[in-house]
Protein backbone atom coordinates (compact mmCIF):
# COMPACT_ATOMS: atom_id res chain seq x y z
CA MET A 1 0.00 0.00 0.00
CA ASP A 2 1.20 3.52 -0.80
CA LEU A 3 1.20 5.59 2.38
CA ALA A 4 1.96 8.97 3.88
CA ALA A 5 3.27 8.95 7.44
CA LEU A 6 2.67 11.75 9.93
CA VAL A 7 6.00 12.45 11.64
CA THR A 8 7.09 14.83 14.35
CA GLY A 9 10.62 13.58 14.88
CA GLY A 10 9.42 11.92 18.08
CA LYS A 11 9.48 8.26 19.09
CA ASP A 12 5.86 7.22 18.50
CA SER A 13 5.62 8.41 14.91
CA ALA A 14 9.12 7.02 14.28
CA LEU A 15 8.17 3.57 15.58
CA ALA A 16 4.88 3.57 13.65
CA LEU A 17 6.88 4.36 10.51
CA TYR A 18 9.24 1.47 11.27
CA ARG A 19 6.30 -0.92 11.62
CA VAL A 20 4.74 -0.09 8.23
CA LEU A 21 8.09 -0.15 6.43
CA LYS A 22 8.83 -3.56 7.94
CA ALA A 23 5.40 -4.78 6.82
CA GLY A 24 6.38 -3.97 3.23
CA HIS A 25 4.29 -0.85 2.62
CA ARG A 26 5.70 1.93 0.48
CA VAL A 27 5.87 5.21 2.39
CA LYS A 28 5.97 7.88 -0.29
CA TYR A 29 5.83 10.95 1.95
CA LEU A 30 6.57 12.04 5.49
CA VAL A 31 4.11 14.73 6.55
CA THR A 32 4.64 17.28 9.33
CA ILE A 33 2.17 19.85 10.59
CA ILE A 34 4.05 22.77 12.14
CA PRO A 35 2.10 24.82 14.71
CA ARG A 36 2.89 28.50 15.06
CA ARG A 37 1.96 28.38 18.75
CA PRO A 38 3.18 26.18 21.63
CA ASP A 39 -0.29 25.07 22.79
CA SER A 40 -1.53 23.25 19.70
CA TRP A 41 -4.21 20.67 20.51
CA MET A 42 -3.00 18.16 17.94
CA PHE A 43 0.61 18.70 17.01
CA HIS A 44 4.02 18.83 18.69
CA TYR A 45 5.80 22.14 19.11
CA PRO A 46 9.37 21.96 20.56
CA ASN A 47 11.89 21.22 17.80
CA ILE A 48 9.16 20.34 15.31
CA ARG A 49 11.16 22.01 12.54
CA LEU A 50 13.79 19.29 12.95
CA ALA A 51 11.31 16.92 11.30
CA GLY A 52 12.83 18.08 8.02
CA LEU A 53 16.20 16.75 9.14
CA PHE A 54 14.46 13.55 10.27
CA ALA A 55 13.01 13.13 6.77
CA GLU A 56 16.38 13.79 5.19
CA ALA A 57 17.96 11.16 7.46
CA VAL A 58 15.32 8.65 6.35
CA GLY A 59 15.46 9.61 2.68
CA ILE A 60 11.72 10.05 2.07
CA PRO A 61 10.22 13.26 0.60
CA HIS A 62 8.96 15.65 3.26
CA VAL A 63 5.66 17.51 3.08
CA LYS A 64 5.01 20.23 5.66
CA GLU A 65 2.12 22.51 6.39
CA GLU A 66 1.93 25.27 8.97
CA THR A 67 -1.07 25.73 11.25
CA GLU A 68 -2.16 28.37 13.71
CA GLY A 69 -2.84 25.51 16.13
CA VAL A 70 -6.43 26.56 16.82
CA LYS A 71 -8.60 23.71 18.12
CA GLU A 72 -10.47 21.87 15.32
CA ARG A 73 -9.43 24.41 12.68
CA GLU A 74 -5.97 22.84 12.59
CA LEU A 75 -7.62 19.73 11.10
CA GLU A 76 -8.23 21.73 7.92
CA ASP A 77 -4.48 22.34 7.73
CA LEU A 78 -3.86 18.60 8.04
CA LYS A 79 -6.41 17.94 5.30
CA ARG A 80 -4.74 20.50 3.05
CA ALA A 81 -1.39 18.76 3.50
CA LEU A 82 -2.81 15.35 2.59
CA GLU A 83 -5.37 16.04 -0.12
CA SER A 84 -2.94 16.32 -3.04
CA LEU A 85 -0.84 13.27 -2.16
CA ASP A 86 -1.12 10.13 -4.30
CA VAL A 87 -1.49 7.66 -1.41
CA GLU A 88 -4.02 5.17 -0.10
CA GLY A 89 -3.56 5.67 3.63
CA VAL A 90 -2.06 7.72 6.43
CA VAL A 91 0.09 6.38 9.27
CA SER A 92 0.14 7.98 12.71
CA GLY A 93 1.76 7.14 16.04
CA ALA A 94 -1.34 7.37 18.23
CA VAL A 95 -1.17 5.04 21.23
CA ALA A 96 -4.09 5.91 23.50
CA SER A 97 -5.35 9.39 22.62
CA GLU A 98 -8.92 9.08 21.34
CA TYR A 99 -8.85 12.83 20.61
CA GLN A 100 -5.91 12.49 18.24
CA LYS A 101 -6.99 9.23 16.61
CA ASN A 102 -10.61 10.27 16.01
CA ARG A 103 -9.64 13.52 14.35
CA ILE A 104 -7.06 11.97 12.08
CA GLU A 105 -9.64 9.33 11.09
CA HIS A 106 -12.16 12.05 10.35
CA VAL A 107 -9.72 13.77 7.97
CA CYS A 108 -8.85 10.45 6.33
CA ARG A 109 -12.52 9.56 5.77
CA SER A 110 -13.15 12.91 4.14
CA LEU A 111 -10.32 12.18 1.68
CA GLY A 112 -11.13 8.51 1.13
CA LEU A 113 -7.92 7.36 2.85
CA ARG A 114 -7.27 4.61 5.38
CA SER A 115 -6.06 5.62 8.83
CA ILE A 116 -3.32 3.27 10.05
CA THR A 117 -2.30 3.31 13.72
CA PRO A 118 0.25 0.51 14.30
CA LEU A 119 0.74 1.30 18.02
CA TRP A 120 -2.90 1.73 18.99
CA HIS A 121 -3.69 0.40 22.49
CA GLU A 122 -0.42 -1.49 22.78
CA ASP A 123 1.25 -1.93 26.16
CA PRO A 124 3.22 1.31 26.78
CA VAL A 125 6.10 -0.48 28.49
CA LYS A 126 6.44 -2.91 25.59
CA ILE A 127 6.51 -0.01 23.15
CA MET A 128 9.35 1.59 25.09
CA GLU A 129 11.26 -1.68 25.34
CA GLU A 130 10.85 -2.25 21.60
CA LEU A 131 12.50 1.09 20.90
CA ILE A 132 15.54 0.02 22.91
CA SER A 133 15.71 -3.48 21.43
CA LEU A 134 15.68 -1.97 17.92
CA ASN A 135 18.44 0.51 18.84
CA PHE A 136 16.38 3.65 18.39
CA GLN A 137 18.25 6.60 19.88
CA VAL A 138 15.62 8.70 21.63
CA LEU A 139 16.14 11.88 23.67
CA VAL A 140 13.66 13.56 25.99
CA VAL A 141 13.34 17.14 24.75
CA GLY A 142 10.32 18.41 26.68
CA VAL A 143 8.83 17.75 30.15
CA TYR A 144 5.40 19.00 31.20
CA ALA A 145 4.29 16.87 34.17
CA TYR A 146 4.92 16.82 37.91
CA GLY A 147 7.65 14.27 38.64
CA LEU A 148 9.62 15.01 35.49
CA ASP A 149 12.19 17.65 36.33
CA ARG A 150 14.83 19.55 34.43
CA SER A 151 17.30 16.66 34.67
CA TRP A 152 15.22 14.72 32.13
CA LEU A 153 15.91 17.21 29.34
CA GLY A 154 18.47 15.75 26.96
CA ARG A 155 18.28 12.38 28.67
CA ARG A 156 18.39 9.28 26.50
CA ILE A 157 15.59 6.76 26.81
CA ASP A 158 17.22 3.58 28.14
CA ARG A 159 16.12 0.78 30.46
CA GLU A 160 16.78 2.86 33.57
CA ALA A 161 14.68 5.71 32.15
CA ILE A 162 11.85 3.26 31.45
CA ARG A 163 12.07 1.89 35.00
CA GLU A 164 11.77 5.42 36.40
CA LEU A 165 8.85 6.26 34.10
CA VAL A 166 7.01 3.12 35.23
CA GLU A 167 7.63 4.11 38.84
CA LEU A 168 6.33 7.64 38.21
CA SER A 169 3.32 6.19 36.43
CA GLY A 170 2.47 4.14 39.50
CA LYS A 171 2.91 7.07 41.87
CA LEU A 172 1.55 9.97 39.84
CA GLY A 173 -0.43 8.39 37.02
CA ILE A 174 1.62 9.77 34.14
CA SER A 175 1.68 7.90 30.84
CA VAL A 176 4.84 5.83 30.39
CA VAL A 177 4.88 6.80 26.69
CA GLY A 178 3.94 10.42 27.37
CA GLU A 179 0.64 10.07 25.52
CA GLY A 180 -0.95 12.69 27.74
CA GLY A 181 1.67 15.26 26.78
CA GLU A 182 3.79 14.58 29.86
CA TYR A 183 6.99 14.63 27.81
CA GLU A 184 8.18 14.86 24.23
CA THR A 185 11.06 13.19 22.45
CA LEU A 186 13.42 13.50 19.50
CA VAL A 187 14.71 10.48 17.57
CA LEU A 188 18.35 10.79 16.58
CA ASP A 189 18.72 7.38 14.96
CA ALA A 190 16.53 4.45 13.92
CA PRO A 191 17.08 1.21 11.98
CA TYR A 192 15.83 2.79 8.73
CA PHE A 193 17.89 5.99 9.00
CA ARG A 194 20.48 6.41 6.25
CA LYS A 195 22.28 8.94 8.43
CA LYS A 196 21.88 9.89 12.07
CA ILE A 197 21.10 13.25 13.62
CA GLU A 198 23.70 14.88 15.82
CA ILE A 199 22.86 17.83 18.05
CA VAL A 200 25.57 20.49 17.77
CA ASP A 201 24.12 23.29 19.91
CA SER A 202 21.16 23.39 22.28
CA LYS A 203 19.83 25.25 25.29
CA VAL A 204 17.38 24.51 28.08
CA VAL A 205 14.28 26.68 28.26
CA TRP A 206 12.75 26.27 31.74
CA ASP A 207 9.71 27.93 33.27
CA GLY A 208 8.82 26.94 36.83
CA GLN A 209 7.83 23.27 36.61
CA SER A 210 8.24 22.55 32.91
CA GLY A 211 10.48 23.24 29.97
CA TYR A 212 12.17 21.95 26.87
CA LEU A 213 15.53 21.46 25.21
CA GLU A 214 15.71 23.83 22.27
CA VAL A 215 17.98 22.45 19.57
CA GLU A 216 19.66 25.44 17.98
CA LYS A 217 21.82 23.50 15.53
CA ALA A 218 21.81 19.90 14.37
CA GLU A 219 23.36 18.06 11.45
CA LEU A 220 23.38 14.69 9.78
CA ILE A 221 26.40 12.44 10.18
CA ASP A 222 27.34 9.12 8.63
CA LYS A 223 26.35 5.97 10.47
CA PRO A 224 29.07 3.47 11.34
């Protein structure tokens, strides 16, 4: 099947992309919706412009569309990005968010496309462990929940990080995969990357109890 994949540069969309590529589908486009405001209802904000570098690392054409990030109206921007693409379906990394999944499905139905969600309702811990077993390199680049402090910014997702997230989930109820917006990630390498992303310059932006790692410069480097 010819597909377009919604990508943010984060782990969930990256793993969903891996799943459909492994299944033998042809992903013709990577699609990114770039909000002009930090409080978009549907789309990631910190470092979203690095999705272009992500697409370059993968070697798939990148389609991007900007949105004002206004609730519901941003779906029209998603539709505009998809309507001219010669594909049969759209892949997204939704895990548990009914809000996100339902709205993407609505856009797909209006365009006669299939909505494909490879991670939907899977065990969050198993998703995280799969990322490690496949040698995804994933950094935490935003934290927005009590229990996740500044020390998480720039931290690599490894088995110890998963253990701590599970512990925080038990104590505070946060999503282990960050599906509720508790944290955001950036994938630097994945099995299907032709090159990997290297962060050259970055700075921490912190405001009280939350913040993000702003990547000021990044580049692609050869993989060993």
